[in-house]
Amino acid sequence: MSYPTGCFRQAGGLRVRPVPELETCIVFTSRRPKLYMLNLAAWLVFELCDGRGGEQIAADYAAAAGADRDASAIRAEIGTAIERLLGDGLIEHIAA
């Protein structure tokens, strides 16, 4: 799996509550009222979606995840997280 290209940012109208002691981040969407609990990988990708491009997100994620991790596994994690965050309406694709 590969991650989508382009730039990404967090969607508007979200309420975000990090819960580091439980290794999760809770996100509430007001447009379609729902709570989401992000695991550490999804939480990191979510935080990196601040207008960065996919390549920069991948580089920053890899730096945080550790250099000993397999590059293809990291790309798969990023791709899965971005697709899910997009599908849930937590992030949005923006023009570069």
Protein backbone atom coordinates (compact mmCIF):
# COMPACT_ATOMS: atom_id res chain seq x y z
CA MET A 1 0.00 0.00 0.00
CA SER A 2 1.27 3.47 -0.74
CA TYR A 3 0.12 6.75 0.68
CA PRO A 4 -1.74 9.34 -1.37
CA THR A 5 0.32 12.16 -2.82
CA GLY A 6 -0.26 15.83 -2.16
CA CYS A 7 -0.56 17.85 1.02
CA PHE A 8 -2.77 17.20 4.02
CA ARG A 9 -4.14 19.19 6.93
CA GLN A 10 -6.43 18.53 9.83
CA ALA A 11 -10.10 19.17 9.07
CA GLY A 12 -11.80 22.13 10.69
CA GLY A 13 -14.29 21.87 13.52
CA LEU A 14 -12.51 19.09 15.40
CA ARG A 15 -12.07 18.78 19.13
CA VAL A 16 -8.80 17.05 19.90
CA ARG A 17 -7.91 15.63 23.31
CA PRO A 18 -4.55 13.87 23.64
CA VAL A 19 -4.49 11.17 26.31
CA PRO A 20 -0.80 10.25 26.44
CA GLU A 21 -1.13 8.05 29.53
CA LEU A 22 -3.40 5.76 27.48
CA GLU A 23 -1.30 6.19 24.30
CA THR A 24 -4.29 7.57 22.40
CA CYS A 25 -5.75 10.77 21.08
CA ILE A 26 -9.51 11.31 21.11
CA VAL A 27 -10.96 13.34 18.26
CA PHE A 28 -14.58 14.52 18.09
CA THR A 29 -16.10 15.57 14.78
CA SER A 30 -18.93 18.05 15.06
CA ARG A 31 -20.10 17.84 11.42
CA ARG A 32 -20.91 14.17 11.74
CA PRO A 33 -20.96 13.79 15.52
CA LYS A 34 -18.63 10.94 16.34
CA LEU A 35 -15.67 10.14 18.60
CA TYR A 36 -12.50 8.62 17.22
CA MET A 37 -9.68 7.11 19.24
CA LEU A 38 -6.38 7.29 17.41
CA ASN A 39 -3.60 4.85 18.21
CA LEU A 40 -0.03 6.14 18.40
CA ALA A 41 0.69 5.69 14.68
CA ALA A 42 -2.51 7.39 13.55
CA TRP A 43 -2.04 10.12 16.15
CA LEU A 44 1.45 10.90 14.85
CA VAL A 45 0.26 11.03 11.23
CA PHE A 46 -2.69 13.22 12.31
CA GLU A 47 -0.31 15.65 14.02
CA LEU A 48 1.96 15.71 10.96
CA CYS A 49 -0.97 16.72 8.73
CA ASP A 50 -0.43 20.47 9.06
CA GLY A 51 -0.09 21.29 5.37
CA ARG A 52 2.91 19.03 4.78
CA GLY A 53 3.22 16.92 1.68
CA GLY A 54 3.16 13.14 1.72
CA GLU A 55 6.92 12.85 1.29
CA GLN A 56 7.58 15.18 4.23
CA ILE A 57 5.04 13.33 6.38
CA ALA A 58 6.84 10.07 5.51
CA ALA A 59 10.26 11.51 6.38
CA ASP A 60 9.08 12.99 9.67
CA TYR A 61 7.17 9.83 10.60
CA ALA A 62 10.23 7.69 9.84
CA ALA A 63 12.41 9.95 11.99
CA ALA A 64 9.99 9.61 14.90
CA ALA A 65 9.44 5.86 14.38
CA GLY A 66 13.15 5.06 14.39
CA ALA A 67 15.73 4.38 11.74
CA ASP A 68 15.76 0.63 12.43
CA ARG A 69 12.24 0.20 11.02
CA ASP A 70 11.69 -1.19 7.51
CA ALA A 71 10.92 1.61 5.03
CA SER A 72 8.16 -0.36 3.30
CA ALA A 73 6.46 -1.06 6.64
CA ILE A 74 6.61 2.63 7.51
CA ARG A 75 5.10 3.60 4.13
CA ALA A 76 2.32 1.05 4.65
CA GLU A 77 1.54 2.45 8.12
CA ILE A 78 1.44 5.99 6.75
CA GLY A 79 -0.74 4.97 3.81
CA THR A 80 -3.21 3.15 6.03
CA ALA A 81 -3.37 6.03 8.51
CA ILE A 82 -3.84 8.71 5.84
CA GLU A 83 -6.54 6.73 4.03
CA ARG A 84 -8.40 6.11 7.28
CA LEU A 85 -8.06 9.70 8.52
CA LEU A 86 -9.30 10.97 5.15
CA GLY A 87 -12.21 8.52 5.15
CA ASP A 88 -13.20 9.53 8.68
CA GLY A 89 -13.05 13.22 7.76
CA LEU A 90 -10.31 14.00 10.27
CA ILE A 91 -7.88 15.30 7.64
CA GLU A 92 -8.33 16.74 4.19
CA HIS A 93 -6.33 16.76 1.01
CA ILE A 94 -5.22 20.24 -0.05
CA ALA A 95 -3.51 21.65 -3.13
CA ALA A 96 0.26 21.73 -2.86
